[in-house]
Amino acid sequence: MAGSDQAAQHATEVLHQRRKVSLCPMKMAIGGVAVVATIGYFVLYTKKKPEASALDVAKVTAGVANPSNTHPRN
């Protein structure tokens, strides 16, 4: 039966419609880290104290803040 062969061939063609991913895994990993860092910055920025600046938030996000960046100014 030619009909069943055509149906089987058509079924396999439908399963292989996706193309191979053209992005390098390293680029995708770097992009993922950038997205996570951006989301983390904005989460910390929305929860910051009114006296903290955006630079203070960036230092805390990057992990380079010292106590003068995290305590209120007098």
PDB file of N, CA and C in Angstrom:
ATOM      1  N   MET A   1       0.835  -1.181   0.000  1.00  0.00           N
ATOM      2  CA  MET A   1       0.000   0.000   0.000  1.00  0.00           C
ATOM      3  C   MET A   1       0.883   1.247   0.000  1.00  0.00           C
ATOM      4  N   ALA A   2       0.691   2.039  -0.983  1.00  0.00           N
ATOM      5  CA  ALA A   2       1.487   3.250  -1.108  1.00  0.00           C
ATOM      6  C   ALA A   2       1.023   4.321  -0.133  1.00  0.00           C
ATOM      7  N   GLY A   3      -0.220   4.291   0.249  1.00  0.00           N
ATOM      8  CA  GLY A   3      -0.764   5.307   1.151  1.00  0.00           C
ATOM      9  C   GLY A   3      -0.131   5.265   2.529  1.00  0.00           C
ATOM     10  N   SER A   4       0.093   4.086   3.080  1.00  0.00           N
ATOM     11  CA  SER A   4       0.697   3.994   4.411  1.00  0.00           C
ATOM     12  C   SER A   4       2.154   4.435   4.388  1.00  0.00           C
ATOM     13  N   ASP A   5       2.889   4.179   3.289  1.00  0.00           N
ATOM     14  CA  ASP A   5       4.267   4.639   3.176  1.00  0.00           C
ATOM     15  C   ASP A   5       4.333   6.163   3.132  1.00  0.00           C
ATOM     16  N   GLN A   6       3.418   6.757   2.423  1.00  0.00           N
ATOM     17  CA  GLN A   6       3.397   8.212   2.342  1.00  0.00           C
ATOM     18  C   GLN A   6       3.055   8.825   3.701  1.00  0.00           C
ATOM     19  N   ALA A   7       2.153   8.179   4.420  1.00  0.00           N
ATOM     20  CA  ALA A   7       1.783   8.686   5.743  1.00  0.00           C
ATOM     21  C   ALA A   7       2.960   8.573   6.706  1.00  0.00           C
ATOM     22  N   ALA A   8       3.705   7.481   6.625  1.00  0.00           N
ATOM     23  CA  ALA A   8       4.861   7.300   7.505  1.00  0.00           C
ATOM     24  C   ALA A   8       5.946   8.323   7.169  1.00  0.00           C
ATOM     25  N   GLN A   9       6.148   8.576   5.877  1.00  0.00           N
ATOM     26  CA  GLN A   9       7.159   9.551   5.480  1.00  0.00           C
ATOM     27  C   GLN A   9       6.742  10.957   5.917  1.00  0.00           C
ATOM     28  N   HIS A  10       5.486  11.277   5.769  1.00  0.00           N
ATOM     29  CA  HIS A  10       4.988  12.586   6.175  1.00  0.00           C
ATOM     30  C   HIS A  10       5.106  12.768   7.685  1.00  0.00           C
ATOM     31  N   ALA A  11       4.873  11.730   8.456  1.00  0.00           N
ATOM     32  CA  ALA A  11       4.958  11.818   9.910  1.00  0.00           C
ATOM     33  C   ALA A  11       6.382  12.115  10.356  1.00  0.00           C
ATOM     34  N   THR A  12       7.373  11.527   9.700  1.00  0.00           N
ATOM     35  CA  THR A  12       8.760  11.798  10.094  1.00  0.00           C
ATOM     36  C   THR A  12       9.187  13.205   9.682  1.00  0.00           C
ATOM     37  N   GLU A  13       8.646  13.727   8.603  1.00  0.00           N
ATOM     38  CA  GLU A  13       8.981  15.090   8.189  1.00  0.00           C
ATOM     39  C   GLU A  13       8.456  16.103   9.200  1.00  0.00           C
ATOM     40  N   VAL A  14       7.300  15.849   9.759  1.00  0.00           N
ATOM     41  CA  VAL A  14       6.722  16.772  10.728  1.00  0.00           C
ATOM     42  C   VAL A  14       7.576  16.817  11.990  1.00  0.00           C
ATOM     43  N   LEU A  15       8.164  15.693  12.380  1.00  0.00           N
ATOM     44  CA  LEU A  15       8.960  15.649  13.593  1.00  0.00           C
ATOM     45  C   LEU A  15      10.287  16.389  13.459  1.00  0.00           C
ATOM     46  N   HIS A  16      10.756  16.638  12.255  1.00  0.00           N
ATOM     47  CA  HIS A  16      12.061  17.255  12.062  1.00  0.00           C
ATOM     48  C   HIS A  16      11.943  18.657  11.486  1.00  0.00           C
ATOM     49  N   GLN A  17      11.011  19.430  11.978  1.00  0.00           N
ATOM     50  CA  GLN A  17      10.850  20.783  11.474  1.00  0.00           C
ATOM     51  C   GLN A  17      11.771  21.770  12.179  1.00  0.00           C
ATOM     52  N   ARG A  18      12.275  21.420  13.333  1.00  0.00           N
ATOM     53  CA  ARG A  18      13.148  22.343  14.058  1.00  0.00           C
ATOM     54  C   ARG A  18      14.510  22.393  13.402  1.00  0.00           C
ATOM     55  N   ARG A  19      15.100  23.575  13.390  1.00  0.00           N
ATOM     56  CA  ARG A  19      16.447  23.718  12.877  1.00  0.00           C
ATOM     57  C   ARG A  19      17.443  23.510  14.016  1.00  0.00           C
ATOM     58  N   LYS A  20      18.657  23.313  13.642  1.00  0.00           N
ATOM     59  CA  LYS A  20      19.712  23.190  14.645  1.00  0.00           C
ATOM     60  C   LYS A  20      19.935  24.575  15.270  1.00  0.00           C
ATOM     61  N   VAL A  21      20.167  24.625  16.568  1.00  0.00           N
ATOM     62  CA  VAL A  21      20.387  25.889  17.250  1.00  0.00           C
ATOM     63  C   VAL A  21      21.689  26.486  16.737  1.00  0.00           C
ATOM     64  N   SER A  22      21.618  27.740  16.270  1.00  0.00           N
ATOM     65  CA  SER A  22      22.795  28.344  15.667  1.00  0.00           C
ATOM     66  C   SER A  22      23.628  29.140  16.663  1.00  0.00           C
ATOM     67  N   LEU A  23      23.184  29.239  17.917  1.00  0.00           N
ATOM     68  CA  LEU A  23      23.917  30.005  18.908  1.00  0.00           C
ATOM     69  C   LEU A  23      24.929  29.136  19.641  1.00  0.00           C
ATOM     70  N   CYS A  24      26.024  29.726  19.960  1.00  0.00           N
ATOM     71  CA  CYS A  24      27.075  29.044  20.716  1.00  0.00           C
ATOM     72  C   CYS A  24      26.609  28.888  22.169  1.00  0.00           C
ATOM     73  N   PRO A  25      26.821  27.752  22.796  1.00  0.00           N
ATOM     74  CA  PRO A  25      26.414  27.584  24.196  1.00  0.00           C
ATOM     75  C   PRO A  25      27.064  28.601  25.130  1.00  0.00           C
ATOM     76  N   MET A  26      28.287  29.019  24.840  1.00  0.00           N
ATOM     77  CA  MET A  26      28.964  30.011  25.674  1.00  0.00           C
ATOM     78  C   MET A  26      28.239  31.362  25.594  1.00  0.00           C
ATOM     79  N   LYS A  27      27.810  31.750  24.401  1.00  0.00           N
ATOM     80  CA  LYS A  27      27.068  33.004  24.248  1.00  0.00           C
ATOM     81  C   LYS A  27      25.734  32.938  24.986  1.00  0.00           C
ATOM     82  N   MET A  28      25.085  31.791  24.928  1.00  0.00           N
ATOM     83  CA  MET A  28      23.811  31.643  25.638  1.00  0.00           C
ATOM     84  C   MET A  28      24.027  31.707  27.145  1.00  0.00           C
ATOM     85  N   ALA A  29      25.114  31.126  27.643  1.00  0.00           N
ATOM     86  CA  ALA A  29      25.403  31.173  29.076  1.00  0.00           C
ATOM     87  C   ALA A  29      25.701  32.602  29.523  1.00  0.00           C
ATOM     88  N   ILE A  30      26.482  33.330  28.732  1.00  0.00           N
ATOM     89  CA  ILE A  30      26.786  34.722  29.065  1.00  0.00           C
ATOM     90  C   ILE A  30      25.515  35.558  29.040  1.00  0.00           C
ATOM     91  N   GLY A  31      24.673  35.328  28.063  1.00  0.00           N
ATOM     92  CA  GLY A  31      23.396  36.041  27.995  1.00  0.00           C
ATOM     93  C   GLY A  31      22.506  35.724  29.182  1.00  0.00           C
ATOM     94  N   GLY A  32      22.497  34.484  29.619  1.00  0.00           N
ATOM     95  CA  GLY A  32      21.700  34.101  30.784  1.00  0.00           C
ATOM     96  C   GLY A  32      22.195  34.760  32.059  1.00  0.00           C
ATOM     97  N   VAL A  33      23.512  34.815  32.215  1.00  0.00           N
ATOM     98  CA  VAL A  33      24.084  35.480  33.389  1.00  0.00           C
ATOM     99  C   VAL A  33      23.733  36.964  33.368  1.00  0.00           C
ATOM    100  N   ALA A  34      23.784  37.590  32.193  1.00  0.00           N
ATOM    101  CA  ALA A  34      23.450  39.009  32.078  1.00  0.00           C
ATOM    102  C   ALA A  34      21.984  39.261  32.436  1.00  0.00           C
ATOM    103  N   VAL A  35      21.101  38.382  31.999  1.00  0.00           N
ATOM    104  CA  VAL A  35      19.678  38.539  32.310  1.00  0.00           C
ATOM    105  C   VAL A  35      19.437  38.373  33.802  1.00  0.00           C
ATOM    106  N   VAL A  36      20.054  37.385  34.422  1.00  0.00           N
ATOM    107  CA  VAL A  36      19.892  37.161  35.861  1.00  0.00           C
ATOM    108  C   VAL A  36      20.448  38.338  36.659  1.00  0.00           C
ATOM    109  N   ALA A  37      21.595  38.870  36.252  1.00  0.00           N
ATOM    110  CA  ALA A  37      22.178  40.023  36.949  1.00  0.00           C
ATOM    111  C   ALA A  37      21.279  41.247  36.822  1.00  0.00           C
ATOM    112  N   THR A  38      20.702  41.449  35.652  1.00  0.00           N
ATOM    113  CA  THR A  38      19.807  42.589  35.447  1.00  0.00           C
ATOM    114  C   THR A  38      18.563  42.465  36.310  1.00  0.00           C
ATOM    115  N   ILE A  39      17.980  41.290  36.341  1.00  0.00           N
ATOM    116  CA  ILE A  39      16.792  41.075  37.187  1.00  0.00           C
ATOM    117  C   ILE A  39      17.143  41.262  38.657  1.00  0.00           C
ATOM    118  N   GLY A  40      18.291  40.744  39.077  1.00  0.00           N
ATOM    119  CA  GLY A  40      18.730  40.915  40.468  1.00  0.00           C
ATOM    120  C   GLY A  40      18.928  42.367  40.830  1.00  0.00           C
ATOM    121  N   TYR A  41      19.529  43.149  39.918  1.00  0.00           N
ATOM    122  CA  TYR A  41      19.735  44.577  40.175  1.00  0.00           C
ATOM    123  C   TYR A  41      18.392  45.274  40.375  1.00  0.00           C
ATOM    124  N   PHE A  42      17.440  45.023  39.487  1.00  0.00           N
ATOM    125  CA  PHE A  42      16.153  45.708  39.594  1.00  0.00           C
ATOM    126  C   PHE A  42      15.362  45.265  40.824  1.00  0.00           C
ATOM    127  N   VAL A  43      15.499  44.014  41.236  1.00  0.00           N
ATOM    128  CA  VAL A  43      14.835  43.565  42.466  1.00  0.00           C
ATOM    129  C   VAL A  43      15.423  44.300  43.666  1.00  0.00           C
ATOM    130  N   LEU A  44      16.756  44.378  43.730  1.00  0.00           N
ATOM    131  CA  LEU A  44      17.378  45.103  44.839  1.00  0.00           C
ATOM    132  C   LEU A  44      17.061  46.592  44.780  1.00  0.00           C
ATOM    133  N   TYR A  45      16.979  47.165  43.577  1.00  0.00           N
ATOM    134  CA  TYR A  45      16.696  48.587  43.437  1.00  0.00           C
ATOM    135  C   TYR A  45      15.288  48.923  43.933  1.00  0.00           C
ATOM    136  N   THR A  46      14.336  48.039  43.683  1.00  0.00           N
ATOM    137  CA  THR A  46      12.966  48.311  44.133  1.00  0.00           C
ATOM    138  C   THR A  46      12.831  48.160  45.641  1.00  0.00           C
ATOM    139  N   LYS A  47      13.720  47.405  46.279  1.00  0.00           N
ATOM    140  CA  LYS A  47      13.639  47.193  47.721  1.00  0.00           C
ATOM    141  C   LYS A  47      14.609  48.078  48.512  1.00  0.00           C
ATOM    142  N   LYS A  48      15.300  48.986  47.852  1.00  0.00           N
ATOM    143  CA  LYS A  48      16.319  49.798  48.529  1.00  0.00           C
ATOM    144  C   LYS A  48      15.687  50.831  49.458  1.00  0.00           C
ATOM    145  N   LYS A  49      16.469  51.280  50.390  1.00  0.00           N
ATOM    146  CA  LYS A  49      16.052  52.352  51.294  1.00  0.00           C
ATOM    147  C   LYS A  49      16.065  53.675  50.523  1.00  0.00           C
ATOM    148  N   PRO A  50      15.262  54.650  50.931  1.00  0.00           N
ATOM    149  CA  PRO A  50      15.224  55.922  50.192  1.00  0.00           C
ATOM    150  C   PRO A  50      16.568  56.652  50.161  1.00  0.00           C
ATOM    151  N   GLU A  51      17.400  56.475  51.176  1.00  0.00           N
ATOM    152  CA  GLU A  51      18.667  57.199  51.206  1.00  0.00           C
ATOM    153  C   GLU A  51      19.770  56.525  50.398  1.00  0.00           C
ATOM    154  N   ALA A  52      19.532  55.340  49.890  1.00  0.00           N
ATOM    155  CA  ALA A  52      20.537  54.638  49.087  1.00  0.00           C
ATOM    156  C   ALA A  52      20.459  55.112  47.638  1.00  0.00           C
ATOM    157  N   SER A  53      21.624  55.211  47.008  1.00  0.00           N
ATOM    158  CA  SER A  53      21.664  55.631  45.608  1.00  0.00           C
ATOM    159  C   SER A  53      21.682  54.397  44.696  1.00  0.00           C
ATOM    160  N   ALA A  54      21.515  54.645  43.410  1.00  0.00           N
ATOM    161  CA  ALA A  54      21.581  53.552  42.436  1.00  0.00           C
ATOM    162  C   ALA A  54      22.980  52.945  42.396  1.00  0.00           C
ATOM    163  N   LEU A  55      23.996  53.753  42.634  1.00  0.00           N
ATOM    164  CA  LEU A  55      25.369  53.239  42.663  1.00  0.00           C
ATOM    165  C   LEU A  55      25.574  52.293  43.845  1.00  0.00           C
ATOM    166  N   ASP A  56      24.970  52.620  44.989  1.00  0.00           N
ATOM    167  CA  ASP A  56      25.049  51.720  46.147  1.00  0.00           C
ATOM    168  C   ASP A  56      24.421  50.369  45.828  1.00  0.00           C
ATOM    169  N   VAL A  57      23.284  50.396  45.138  1.00  0.00           N
ATOM    170  CA  VAL A  57      22.605  49.145  44.762  1.00  0.00           C
ATOM    171  C   VAL A  57      23.481  48.350  43.802  1.00  0.00           C
ATOM    172  N   ALA A  58      24.111  49.035  42.847  1.00  0.00           N
ATOM    173  CA  ALA A  58      24.977  48.344  41.891  1.00  0.00           C
ATOM    174  C   ALA A  58      26.166  47.694  42.593  1.00  0.00           C
ATOM    175  N   LYS A  59      26.728  48.381  43.596  1.00  0.00           N
ATOM    176  CA  LYS A  59      27.852  47.812  44.342  1.00  0.00           C
ATOM    177  C   LYS A  59      27.426  46.571  45.124  1.00  0.00           C
ATOM    178  N   VAL A  60      26.238  46.617  45.721  1.00  0.00           N
ATOM    179  CA  VAL A  60      25.742  45.450  46.459  1.00  0.00           C
ATOM    180  C   VAL A  60      25.489  44.293  45.500  1.00  0.00           C
ATOM    181  N   THR A  61      24.913  44.584  44.323  1.00  0.00           N
ATOM    182  CA  THR A  61      24.638  43.541  43.336  1.00  0.00           C
ATOM    183  C   THR A  61      25.924  42.879  42.864  1.00  0.00           C
ATOM    184  N   ALA A  62      26.959  43.676  42.653  1.00  0.00           N
ATOM    185  CA  ALA A  62      28.235  43.137  42.175  1.00  0.00           C
ATOM    186  C   ALA A  62      29.041  42.485  43.289  1.00  0.00           C
ATOM    187  N   GLY A  63      28.661  42.739  44.542  1.00  0.00           N
ATOM    188  CA  GLY A  63      29.366  42.124  45.665  1.00  0.00           C
ATOM    189  C   GLY A  63      30.609  42.880  46.095  1.00  0.00           C
ATOM    190  N   VAL A  64      30.708  44.151  45.738  1.00  0.00           N
ATOM    191  CA  VAL A  64      31.888  44.938  46.097  1.00  0.00           C
ATOM    192  C   VAL A  64      31.554  46.041  47.097  1.00  0.00           C
ATOM    193  N   ALA A  65      30.391  45.966  47.711  1.00  0.00           N
ATOM    194  CA  ALA A  65      29.979  47.001  48.662  1.00  0.00           C
ATOM    195  C   ALA A  65      30.698  46.813  49.991  1.00  0.00           C
ATOM    196  N   ASN A  66      30.922  47.933  50.671  1.00  0.00           N
ATOM    197  CA  ASN A  66      31.464  47.888  52.020  1.00  0.00           C
ATOM    198  C   ASN A  66      30.426  48.510  52.956  1.00  0.00           C
ATOM    199  N   PRO A  67      30.643  48.483  54.249  1.00  0.00           N
ATOM    200  CA  PRO A  67      29.616  48.997  55.179  1.00  0.00           C
ATOM    201  C   PRO A  67      29.188  50.438  54.937  1.00  0.00           C
ATOM    202  N   SER A  68      30.079  51.277  54.385  1.00  0.00           N
ATOM    203  CA  SER A  68      29.681  52.656  54.129  1.00  0.00           C
ATOM    204  C   SER A  68      28.624  52.742  53.026  1.00  0.00           C
ATOM    205  N   ASN A  69      28.560  51.730  52.154  1.00  0.00           N
ATOM    206  CA  ASN A  69      27.546  51.716  51.107  1.00  0.00           C
ATOM    207  C   ASN A  69      26.220  51.164  51.602  1.00  0.00           C
ATOM    208  N   THR A  70      26.235  50.416  52.677  1.00  0.00           N
ATOM    209  CA  THR A  70      25.008  49.738  53.112  1.00  0.00           C
ATOM    210  C   THR A  70      24.372  50.359  54.340  1.00  0.00           C
ATOM    211  N   HIS A  71      25.049  51.287  55.006  1.00  0.00           N
ATOM    212  CA  HIS A  71      24.487  51.942  56.187  1.00  0.00           C
ATOM    213  C   HIS A  71      24.059  53.360  55.836  1.00  0.00           C
ATOM    214  N   PRO A  72      23.047  53.882  56.510  1.00  0.00           N
ATOM    215  CA  PRO A  72      22.581  55.235  56.206  1.00  0.00           C
ATOM    216  C   PRO A  72      23.670  56.279  56.426  1.00  0.00           C
ATOM    217  N   ARG A  73      23.621  57.305  55.590  1.00  0.00           N
ATOM    218  CA  ARG A  73      24.569  58.409  55.728  1.00  0.00           C
ATOM    219  C   ARG A  73      24.066  59.365  56.813  1.00  0.00           C
ATOM    220  N   ASN A  74      24.972  59.976  57.528  1.00  0.00           N
ATOM    221  CA  ASN A  74      24.586  60.929  58.581  1.00  0.00           C
ATOM    222  C   ASN A  74      24.515  62.336  58.054  1.00  0.00           C
TER     223      ASN A  74
END
